[in-house]
Amino acid sequence: MQQARASLVAAALVVCAAAAFGAEPSRAGMVLLPAGSYTPFLRLKAPNASAPAPLNVVTIGAFSLDVEPVTNAEFLDFVTAHPEWRRSRIKPLFAEDRYLRRWSGDLALADAEARNEPVTNVSWFAAEAYCRARGARLPTTAQWEYAVADGGRDRDGVRERSLEWFAEPNPARPPALGSGSANGYGVRDLIGLVWEWTLDFDAYATAAESRDPNGKDGALVCGGAAAGATDPTDYPGFMRFSMRASLKANYTADNVGFRCAAGAS
């Protein structure tokens, strides 16, 4: 309930921000992803018990997506124009105390190199406010997953790069943007830089196992997490959805950033 109220208040704030910046999305730094379909990580469910099992294919309309995540320099411009989102002024309801903690102050980055690094330690509320101020929004989870799937062109490569990234400890600060090559859609740094907020990140939270883990069927519970996956061997997919399920809208993690989207949802 508290998060729902916070969402309503944040929505009012981001509408004001969008009005100040103009309603049209900024297309600079965005690429248009064509309409298409992909196989989602989680199996689709029939609307009711009598309905036939749906095909595990999600159709996505054409939409625009930032080529790279939002940088510290870009977010600095945003908080300069919108003081309510500065570190010393943001309300605890919208961000915990780690908000922008790598910055030296409200309007001061850690150093010159930080300008081209992805902004992190931003909450969902702050990320969505930034995108709305550009006349855009955060990408939906389906859009983000569609982008990283890259039209199925490099499925093994996506998994390999993901596993290599997971094997490395979090650095003291994220690398600069543009270190990786663009995928087939022209999008960079979806893997290997930071995790990213999505508009509906909390729509995929899973419920706790309802059976008694101390009962005789306890061994049957161990593989339950894979039951809903279209591909139980897709470890990177498990990691992405587990990460999202661990978040709350006011969390501000060291390794979570974002990019903006516009168009069909």
C-alpha atoms as a PDB file:
ATOM      1  CA  MET A   1       0.000   0.000   0.000  1.00  0.00           C
ATOM      2  CA  GLN A   2       2.809   2.392   0.914  1.00  0.00           C
ATOM      3  CA  GLN A   3       4.597   1.680  -2.360  1.00  0.00           C
ATOM      4  CA  ALA A   4       1.350   2.236  -4.282  1.00  0.00           C
ATOM      5  CA  ARG A   5       0.914   5.665  -2.633  1.00  0.00           C
ATOM      6  CA  ALA A   6       4.538   6.460  -3.379  1.00  0.00           C
ATOM      7  CA  SER A   7       3.990   5.550  -7.003  1.00  0.00           C
ATOM      8  CA  LEU A   8       1.082   7.988  -7.255  1.00  0.00           C
ATOM      9  CA  VAL A   9       3.085  10.810  -5.710  1.00  0.00           C
ATOM     10  CA  ALA A  10       6.073  10.036  -7.922  1.00  0.00           C
ATOM     11  CA  ALA A  11       3.812  10.007 -10.958  1.00  0.00           C
ATOM     12  CA  ALA A  12       2.717  13.545 -10.132  1.00  0.00           C
ATOM     13  CA  LEU A  13       6.322  14.647  -9.800  1.00  0.00           C
ATOM     14  CA  VAL A  14       7.415  13.106 -13.073  1.00  0.00           C
ATOM     15  CA  VAL A  15       4.473  14.675 -14.909  1.00  0.00           C
ATOM     16  CA  CYS A  16       5.656  18.075 -13.663  1.00  0.00           C
ATOM     17  CA  ALA A  17       9.179  17.272 -14.787  1.00  0.00           C
ATOM     18  CA  ALA A  18       7.956  16.213 -18.220  1.00  0.00           C
ATOM     19  CA  ALA A  19       5.991  19.425 -18.552  1.00  0.00           C
ATOM     20  CA  ALA A  20       9.129  21.429 -17.824  1.00  0.00           C
ATOM     21  CA  PHE A  21      11.250  19.531 -20.343  1.00  0.00           C
ATOM     22  CA  GLY A  22       8.586  19.170 -23.048  1.00  0.00           C
ATOM     23  CA  ALA A  23       6.380  16.218 -23.894  1.00  0.00           C
ATOM     24  CA  GLU A  24       8.204  14.907 -26.954  1.00  0.00           C
ATOM     25  CA  PRO A  25      10.759  12.140 -26.345  1.00  0.00           C
ATOM     26  CA  SER A  26      14.374  12.980 -27.031  1.00  0.00           C
ATOM     27  CA  ARG A  27      15.445  10.726 -29.908  1.00  0.00           C
ATOM     28  CA  ALA A  28      19.129  11.596 -29.652  1.00  0.00           C
ATOM     29  CA  GLY A  29      21.007   8.497 -28.607  1.00  0.00           C
ATOM     30  CA  MET A  30      18.051   6.195 -29.276  1.00  0.00           C
ATOM     31  CA  VAL A  31      17.591   3.455 -31.835  1.00  0.00           C
ATOM     32  CA  LEU A  32      14.337   2.058 -33.178  1.00  0.00           C
ATOM     33  CA  LEU A  33      13.851  -1.647 -32.542  1.00  0.00           C
ATOM     34  CA  PRO A  34      11.501  -3.263 -35.058  1.00  0.00           C
ATOM     35  CA  ALA A  35       8.384  -5.135 -34.086  1.00  0.00           C
ATOM     36  CA  GLY A  36       8.953  -8.822 -33.546  1.00  0.00           C
ATOM     37  CA  SER A  37       8.642 -11.672 -31.087  1.00  0.00           C
ATOM     38  CA  TYR A  38      10.810 -13.615 -28.674  1.00  0.00           C
ATOM     39  CA  THR A  39      10.609 -16.553 -26.293  1.00  0.00           C
ATOM     40  CA  PRO A  40      10.227 -15.230 -22.733  1.00  0.00           C
ATOM     41  CA  PHE A  41      12.169 -16.674 -19.825  1.00  0.00           C
ATOM     42  CA  LEU A  42       8.981 -17.509 -17.900  1.00  0.00           C
ATOM     43  CA  ARG A  43       6.310 -19.702 -19.454  1.00  0.00           C
ATOM     44  CA  LEU A  44       3.062 -17.967 -20.314  1.00  0.00           C
ATOM     45  CA  LYS A  45       0.006 -19.100 -18.364  1.00  0.00           C
ATOM     46  CA  ALA A  46      -3.446 -19.836 -19.713  1.00  0.00           C
ATOM     47  CA  PRO A  47      -6.091 -17.324 -18.517  1.00  0.00           C
ATOM     48  CA  ASN A  48      -8.067 -20.154 -16.894  1.00  0.00           C
ATOM     49  CA  ALA A  49      -7.874 -23.876 -16.292  1.00  0.00           C
ATOM     50  CA  SER A  50     -10.034 -24.754 -19.298  1.00  0.00           C
ATOM     51  CA  ALA A  51      -8.071 -22.626 -21.786  1.00  0.00           C
ATOM     52  CA  PRO A  52      -5.424 -24.284 -23.948  1.00  0.00           C
ATOM     53  CA  ALA A  53      -1.805 -23.712 -23.046  1.00  0.00           C
ATOM     54  CA  PRO A  54      -0.558 -20.600 -24.855  1.00  0.00           C
ATOM     55  CA  LEU A  55       2.407 -20.586 -27.183  1.00  0.00           C
ATOM     56  CA  ASN A  56       5.460 -19.326 -25.329  1.00  0.00           C
ATOM     57  CA  VAL A  57       5.988 -16.396 -27.663  1.00  0.00           C
ATOM     58  CA  VAL A  58       5.703 -12.714 -26.787  1.00  0.00           C
ATOM     59  CA  THR A  59       5.005 -10.185 -29.539  1.00  0.00           C
ATOM     60  CA  ILE A  60       6.600  -6.771 -29.172  1.00  0.00           C
ATOM     61  CA  GLY A  61       5.627  -3.636 -31.054  1.00  0.00           C
ATOM     62  CA  ALA A  62       8.292  -1.346 -32.480  1.00  0.00           C
ATOM     63  CA  PHE A  63       9.830   0.937 -29.868  1.00  0.00           C
ATOM     64  CA  SER A  64      12.844   3.184 -29.333  1.00  0.00           C
ATOM     65  CA  LEU A  65      15.536   2.434 -26.770  1.00  0.00           C
ATOM     66  CA  ASP A  66      18.590   4.320 -25.570  1.00  0.00           C
ATOM     67  CA  VAL A  67      21.732   3.023 -27.237  1.00  0.00           C
ATOM     68  CA  GLU A  68      23.520   3.117 -23.882  1.00  0.00           C
ATOM     69  CA  PRO A  69      22.580   3.502 -20.215  1.00  0.00           C
ATOM     70  CA  VAL A  70      22.108   6.992 -18.771  1.00  0.00           C
ATOM     71  CA  THR A  71      25.389   8.546 -17.604  1.00  0.00           C
ATOM     72  CA  ASN A  72      26.272  10.487 -14.492  1.00  0.00           C
ATOM     73  CA  ALA A  73      26.656  13.614 -16.627  1.00  0.00           C
ATOM     74  CA  GLU A  74      23.149  13.228 -18.042  1.00  0.00           C
ATOM     75  CA  PHE A  75      21.630  12.606 -14.638  1.00  0.00           C
ATOM     76  CA  LEU A  76      23.529  15.613 -13.270  1.00  0.00           C
ATOM     77  CA  ASP A  77      21.784  17.794 -15.859  1.00  0.00           C
ATOM     78  CA  PHE A  78      18.466  16.359 -14.685  1.00  0.00           C
ATOM     79  CA  VAL A  79      18.947  17.020 -10.962  1.00  0.00           C
ATOM     80  CA  THR A  80      20.294  20.490 -11.768  1.00  0.00           C
ATOM     81  CA  ALA A  81      17.013  21.300 -13.499  1.00  0.00           C
ATOM     82  CA  HIS A  82      14.885  19.451 -10.903  1.00  0.00           C
ATOM     83  CA  PRO A  83      16.187  20.162  -7.378  1.00  0.00           C
ATOM     84  CA  GLU A  84      13.645  17.815  -5.770  1.00  0.00           C
ATOM     85  CA  TRP A  85      15.655  14.860  -7.096  1.00  0.00           C
ATOM     86  CA  ARG A  86      18.993  16.017  -5.636  1.00  0.00           C
ATOM     87  CA  ARG A  87      20.706  13.881  -3.048  1.00  0.00           C
ATOM     88  CA  SER A  88      20.084  16.238  -0.129  1.00  0.00           C
ATOM     89  CA  ARG A  89      16.449  16.885  -1.033  1.00  0.00           C
ATOM     90  CA  ILE A  90      14.958  13.615  -2.203  1.00  0.00           C
ATOM     91  CA  LYS A  91      12.380  12.186   0.160  1.00  0.00           C
ATOM     92  CA  PRO A  92      13.160   8.830   1.847  1.00  0.00           C
ATOM     93  CA  LEU A  93       9.945   7.481   0.343  1.00  0.00           C
ATOM     94  CA  PHE A  94      11.538   7.790  -3.101  1.00  0.00           C
ATOM     95  CA  ALA A  95      15.105   6.677  -2.373  1.00  0.00           C
ATOM     96  CA  GLU A  96      17.026   5.061   0.450  1.00  0.00           C
ATOM     97  CA  ASP A  97      20.157   6.621   1.922  1.00  0.00           C
ATOM     98  CA  ARG A  98      22.546   5.178  -0.689  1.00  0.00           C
ATOM     99  CA  TYR A  99      21.047   7.445  -3.354  1.00  0.00           C
ATOM    100  CA  LEU A 100      23.857   8.866  -5.569  1.00  0.00           C
ATOM    101  CA  ARG A 101      26.377   8.031  -2.869  1.00  0.00           C
ATOM    102  CA  ARG A 102      29.285   7.915  -5.347  1.00  0.00           C
ATOM    103  CA  TRP A 103      28.792  11.614  -6.079  1.00  0.00           C
ATOM    104  CA  SER A 104      30.758  14.205  -4.107  1.00  0.00           C
ATOM    105  CA  GLY A 105      27.696  16.372  -3.569  1.00  0.00           C
ATOM    106  CA  ASP A 106      24.303  17.373  -4.886  1.00  0.00           C
ATOM    107  CA  LEU A 107      25.787  18.796  -8.076  1.00  0.00           C
ATOM    108  CA  ALA A 108      29.292  17.351  -7.989  1.00  0.00           C
ATOM    109  CA  LEU A 109      30.455  14.057  -9.472  1.00  0.00           C
ATOM    110  CA  ALA A 110      33.310  12.033  -8.006  1.00  0.00           C
ATOM    111  CA  ASP A 111      35.733  13.176 -10.733  1.00  0.00           C
ATOM    112  CA  ALA A 112      35.929  13.977 -14.436  1.00  0.00           C
ATOM    113  CA  GLU A 113      36.032  10.293 -15.437  1.00  0.00           C
ATOM    114  CA  ALA A 114      32.669   9.716 -13.746  1.00  0.00           C
ATOM    115  CA  ARG A 115      30.877  11.806 -16.383  1.00  0.00           C
ATOM    116  CA  ASN A 116      30.927   8.951 -18.903  1.00  0.00           C
ATOM    117  CA  GLU A 117      30.141   6.202 -16.414  1.00  0.00           C
ATOM    118  CA  PRO A 118      26.580   4.904 -16.040  1.00  0.00           C
ATOM    119  CA  VAL A 119      24.725   6.515 -13.186  1.00  0.00           C
ATOM    120  CA  THR A 120      24.013   4.049 -10.368  1.00  0.00           C
ATOM    121  CA  ASN A 121      22.543   4.271  -6.878  1.00  0.00           C
ATOM    122  CA  VAL A 122      19.334   5.635  -8.373  1.00  0.00           C
ATOM    123  CA  SER A 123      15.921   4.390  -7.331  1.00  0.00           C
ATOM    124  CA  TRP A 124      13.143   3.308  -9.674  1.00  0.00           C
ATOM    125  CA  PHE A 125      11.326   6.537  -8.835  1.00  0.00           C
ATOM    126  CA  ALA A 126      14.301   8.699  -9.803  1.00  0.00           C
ATOM    127  CA  ALA A 127      15.010   6.709 -12.961  1.00  0.00           C
ATOM    128  CA  GLU A 128      11.407   6.931 -14.130  1.00  0.00           C
ATOM    129  CA  ALA A 129      11.313  10.660 -13.307  1.00  0.00           C
ATOM    130  CA  TYR A 130      14.392  11.208 -15.457  1.00  0.00           C
ATOM    131  CA  CYS A 131      12.893   9.328 -18.391  1.00  0.00           C
ATOM    132  CA  ARG A 132       9.558  11.120 -18.083  1.00  0.00           C
ATOM    133  CA  ALA A 133      11.397  14.451 -18.079  1.00  0.00           C
ATOM    134  CA  ARG A 134      12.712  13.445 -21.504  1.00  0.00           C
ATOM    135  CA  GLY A 135       9.207  12.560 -22.660  1.00  0.00           C
ATOM    136  CA  ALA A 136      10.134   8.880 -22.470  1.00  0.00           C
ATOM    137  CA  ARG A 137       9.861   6.141 -19.814  1.00  0.00           C
ATOM    138  CA  LEU A 138      11.686   3.103 -18.551  1.00  0.00           C
ATOM    139  CA  PRO A 139      11.481   0.097 -20.883  1.00  0.00           C
ATOM    140  CA  THR A 140       9.134  -2.677 -19.880  1.00  0.00           C
ATOM    141  CA  THR A 141      10.743  -5.936 -18.834  1.00  0.00           C
ATOM    142  CA  ALA A 142       9.484  -7.525 -22.053  1.00  0.00           C
ATOM    143  CA  GLN A 143      11.096  -4.770 -24.122  1.00  0.00           C
ATOM    144  CA  TRP A 144      14.395  -5.086 -22.274  1.00  0.00           C
ATOM    145  CA  GLU A 145      14.401  -8.871 -22.655  1.00  0.00           C
ATOM    146  CA  TYR A 146      13.512  -8.512 -26.331  1.00  0.00           C
ATOM    147  CA  ALA A 147      16.472  -6.169 -26.796  1.00  0.00           C
ATOM    148  CA  VAL A 148      18.947  -8.449 -25.039  1.00  0.00           C
ATOM    149  CA  ALA A 149      17.652 -11.454 -27.008  1.00  0.00           C
ATOM    150  CA  ASP A 150      18.926  -9.644 -30.128  1.00  0.00           C
ATOM    151  CA  GLY A 151      16.470 -11.401 -32.400  1.00  0.00           C
ATOM    152  CA  GLY A 152      18.034 -14.757 -31.508  1.00  0.00           C
ATOM    153  CA  ARG A 153      21.141 -13.847 -33.523  1.00  0.00           C
ATOM    154  CA  ASP A 154      23.689 -14.513 -30.794  1.00  0.00           C
ATOM    155  CA  ARG A 155      22.005 -16.575 -28.102  1.00  0.00           C
ATOM    156  CA  ASP A 156      25.149 -18.454 -27.093  1.00  0.00           C
ATOM    157  CA  GLY A 157      27.200 -15.278 -27.098  1.00  0.00           C
ATOM    158  CA  VAL A 158      24.709 -13.496 -24.839  1.00  0.00           C
ATOM    159  CA  ARG A 159      24.874 -16.349 -22.341  1.00  0.00           C
ATOM    160  CA  GLU A 160      28.653 -16.565 -22.480  1.00  0.00           C
ATOM    161  CA  ARG A 161      29.147 -12.829 -21.905  1.00  0.00           C
ATOM    162  CA  SER A 162      26.594 -12.898 -19.090  1.00  0.00           C
ATOM    163  CA  LEU A 163      28.356 -15.764 -17.317  1.00  0.00           C
ATOM    164  CA  GLU A 164      31.715 -14.021 -17.678  1.00  0.00           C
ATOM    165  CA  TRP A 165      30.228 -10.895 -16.132  1.00  0.00           C
ATOM    166  CA  PHE A 166      28.624 -12.796 -13.249  1.00  0.00           C
ATOM    167  CA  ALA A 167      31.979 -14.427 -12.459  1.00  0.00           C
ATOM    168  CA  GLU A 168      33.625 -11.058 -11.821  1.00  0.00           C
ATOM    169  CA  PRO A 169      33.216  -9.221  -8.495  1.00  0.00           C
ATOM    170  CA  ASN A 170      31.536  -5.829  -8.598  1.00  0.00           C
ATOM    171  CA  PRO A 171      34.174  -3.168  -9.319  1.00  0.00           C
ATOM    172  CA  ALA A 172      34.655  -0.147  -7.082  1.00  0.00           C
ATOM    173  CA  ARG A 173      33.038   1.889  -9.846  1.00  0.00           C
ATOM    174  CA  PRO A 174      31.338   0.869 -13.095  1.00  0.00           C
ATOM    175  CA  PRO A 175      33.299   0.981 -16.367  1.00  0.00           C
ATOM    176  CA  ALA A 176      32.763   3.795 -18.836  1.00  0.00           C
ATOM    177  CA  LEU A 177      30.109   3.375 -21.504  1.00  0.00           C
ATOM    178  CA  GLY A 178      30.790   2.030 -24.958  1.00  0.00           C
ATOM    179  CA  SER A 179      33.309  -0.664 -24.087  1.00  0.00           C
ATOM    180  CA  GLY A 180      31.176  -3.355 -25.726  1.00  0.00           C
ATOM    181  CA  SER A 181      30.125  -3.656 -29.342  1.00  0.00           C
ATOM    182  CA  ALA A 182      26.541  -2.937 -30.402  1.00  0.00           C
ATOM    183  CA  ASN A 183      24.199  -5.870 -30.885  1.00  0.00           C
ATOM    184  CA  GLY A 184      22.144  -6.452 -34.030  1.00  0.00           C
ATOM    185  CA  TYR A 185      19.655  -3.769 -32.988  1.00  0.00           C
ATOM    186  CA  GLY A 186      22.394  -1.197 -32.389  1.00  0.00           C
ATOM    187  CA  VAL A 187      22.066  -1.324 -28.576  1.00  0.00           C
ATOM    188  CA  ARG A 188      25.178  -1.364 -26.378  1.00  0.00           C
ATOM    189  CA  ASP A 189      26.090  -2.431 -22.856  1.00  0.00           C
ATOM    190  CA  LEU A 190      23.004  -4.469 -21.996  1.00  0.00           C
ATOM    191  CA  ILE A 191      25.407  -7.019 -20.538  1.00  0.00           C
ATOM    192  CA  GLY A 192      28.596  -6.463 -18.576  1.00  0.00           C
ATOM    193  CA  LEU A 193      28.133  -2.914 -17.288  1.00  0.00           C
ATOM    194  CA  VAL A 194      25.265  -2.594 -14.782  1.00  0.00           C
ATOM    195  CA  TRP A 195      21.898  -4.162 -14.057  1.00  0.00           C
ATOM    196  CA  GLU A 196      19.034  -1.965 -15.268  1.00  0.00           C
ATOM    197  CA  TRP A 197      15.659  -0.909 -13.949  1.00  0.00           C
ATOM    198  CA  THR A 198      12.569  -1.787 -15.974  1.00  0.00           C
ATOM    199  CA  LEU A 199       9.170  -0.147 -15.783  1.00  0.00           C
ATOM    200  CA  ASP A 200       7.415  -3.229 -14.382  1.00  0.00           C
ATOM    201  CA  PHE A 201      10.370  -4.809 -12.563  1.00  0.00           C
ATOM    202  CA  ASP A 202       8.129  -5.936  -9.687  1.00  0.00           C
ATOM    203  CA  ALA A 203       5.555  -7.689 -11.871  1.00  0.00           C
ATOM    204  CA  TYR A 204       7.503 -10.930 -11.855  1.00  0.00           C
ATOM    205  CA  ALA A 205       8.031 -11.513  -8.141  1.00  0.00           C
ATOM    206  CA  THR A 206       7.506 -15.127  -7.153  1.00  0.00           C
ATOM    207  CA  ALA A 207       5.653 -16.369  -4.122  1.00  0.00           C
ATOM    208  CA  ALA A 208       7.236 -18.558  -1.488  1.00  0.00           C
ATOM    209  CA  GLU A 209       6.861 -22.322  -1.770  1.00  0.00           C
ATOM    210  CA  SER A 210       3.594 -23.281  -0.076  1.00  0.00           C
ATOM    211  CA  ARG A 211       4.496 -26.867   0.804  1.00  0.00           C
ATOM    212  CA  ASP A 212       6.132 -27.730   4.096  1.00  0.00           C
ATOM    213  CA  PRO A 213       9.892 -27.905   3.420  1.00  0.00           C
ATOM    214  CA  ASN A 214      10.263 -30.072   6.531  1.00  0.00           C
ATOM    215  CA  GLY A 215       7.751 -32.614   5.301  1.00  0.00           C
ATOM    216  CA  LYS A 216       8.340 -35.828   3.394  1.00  0.00           C
ATOM    217  CA  ASP A 217       8.076 -34.069   0.042  1.00  0.00           C
ATOM    218  CA  GLY A 218      10.861 -31.613   0.882  1.00  0.00           C
ATOM    219  CA  ALA A 219      13.143 -33.044  -1.827  1.00  0.00           C
ATOM    220  CA  LEU A 220      10.509 -32.251  -4.430  1.00  0.00           C
ATOM    221  CA  VAL A 221      10.760 -28.528  -3.637  1.00  0.00           C
ATOM    222  CA  CYS A 222      14.394 -28.134  -4.706  1.00  0.00           C
ATOM    223  CA  GLY A 223      13.694 -27.916  -8.436  1.00  0.00           C
ATOM    224  CA  GLY A 224      10.569 -25.811  -8.090  1.00  0.00           C
ATOM    225  CA  ALA A 225      12.291 -22.619  -9.213  1.00  0.00           C
ATOM    226  CA  ALA A 226      12.843 -24.062 -12.686  1.00  0.00           C
ATOM    227  CA  ALA A 227       9.276 -25.261 -13.176  1.00  0.00           C
ATOM    228  CA  GLY A 228       8.069 -22.071 -14.819  1.00  0.00           C
ATOM    229  CA  ALA A 229      11.090 -21.453 -17.034  1.00  0.00           C
ATOM    230  CA  THR A 230      10.912 -22.046 -20.773  1.00  0.00           C
ATOM    231  CA  ASP A 231      14.575 -23.112 -20.673  1.00  0.00           C
ATOM    232  CA  PRO A 232      15.769 -24.448 -17.282  1.00  0.00           C
ATOM    233  CA  THR A 233      19.395 -24.218 -18.487  1.00  0.00           C
ATOM    234  CA  ASP A 234      19.187 -20.436 -18.972  1.00  0.00           C
ATOM    235  CA  TYR A 235      21.138 -19.413 -15.878  1.00  0.00           C
ATOM    236  CA  PRO A 236      21.553 -15.761 -16.975  1.00  0.00           C
ATOM    237  CA  GLY A 237      17.769 -15.548 -17.320  1.00  0.00           C
ATOM    238  CA  PHE A 238      17.341 -16.846 -13.765  1.00  0.00           C
ATOM    239  CA  MET A 239      19.823 -14.237 -12.545  1.00  0.00           C
ATOM    240  CA  ARG A 240      18.059 -11.344 -14.284  1.00  0.00           C
ATOM    241  CA  PHE A 241      14.629 -12.239 -12.945  1.00  0.00           C
ATOM    242  CA  SER A 242      15.970 -13.012  -9.478  1.00  0.00           C
ATOM    243  CA  MET A 243      17.684  -9.630  -9.405  1.00  0.00           C
ATOM    244  CA  ARG A 244      14.476  -7.825 -10.328  1.00  0.00           C
ATOM    245  CA  ALA A 245      12.477  -9.792  -7.757  1.00  0.00           C
ATOM    246  CA  SER A 246      14.921  -8.671  -5.041  1.00  0.00           C
ATOM    247  CA  LEU A 247      14.342  -4.964  -5.679  1.00  0.00           C
ATOM    248  CA  LYS A 248      11.946  -2.408  -4.256  1.00  0.00           C
ATOM    249  CA  ALA A 249      11.191   0.893  -5.954  1.00  0.00           C
ATOM    250  CA  ASN A 250      13.210   2.996  -3.488  1.00  0.00           C
ATOM    251  CA  TYR A 251      16.314   0.753  -3.570  1.00  0.00           C
ATOM    252  CA  THR A 252      19.527   2.383  -4.762  1.00  0.00           C
ATOM    253  CA  ALA A 253      22.103  -0.306  -5.487  1.00  0.00           C
ATOM    254  CA  ASP A 254      25.733   0.251  -6.472  1.00  0.00           C
ATOM    255  CA  ASN A 255      25.354  -1.818  -9.636  1.00  0.00           C
ATOM    256  CA  VAL A 256      21.873  -0.831 -10.867  1.00  0.00           C
ATOM    257  CA  GLY A 257      21.404   1.859 -13.508  1.00  0.00           C
ATOM    258  CA  PHE A 258      18.884   2.403 -16.292  1.00  0.00           C
ATOM    259  CA  ARG A 259      18.138   3.521 -19.827  1.00  0.00           C
ATOM    260  CA  CYS A 260      14.986   5.017 -21.339  1.00  0.00           C
ATOM    261  CA  ALA A 261      12.524   3.826 -23.942  1.00  0.00           C
ATOM    262  CA  ALA A 262       9.695   5.308 -25.972  1.00  0.00           C
ATOM    263  CA  GLY A 263       6.925   3.852 -28.088  1.00  0.00           C
ATOM    264  CA  ALA A 264       4.784   0.721 -27.953  1.00  0.00           C
ATOM    265  CA  SER A 265       4.582  -1.137 -24.661  1.00  0.00           C
END
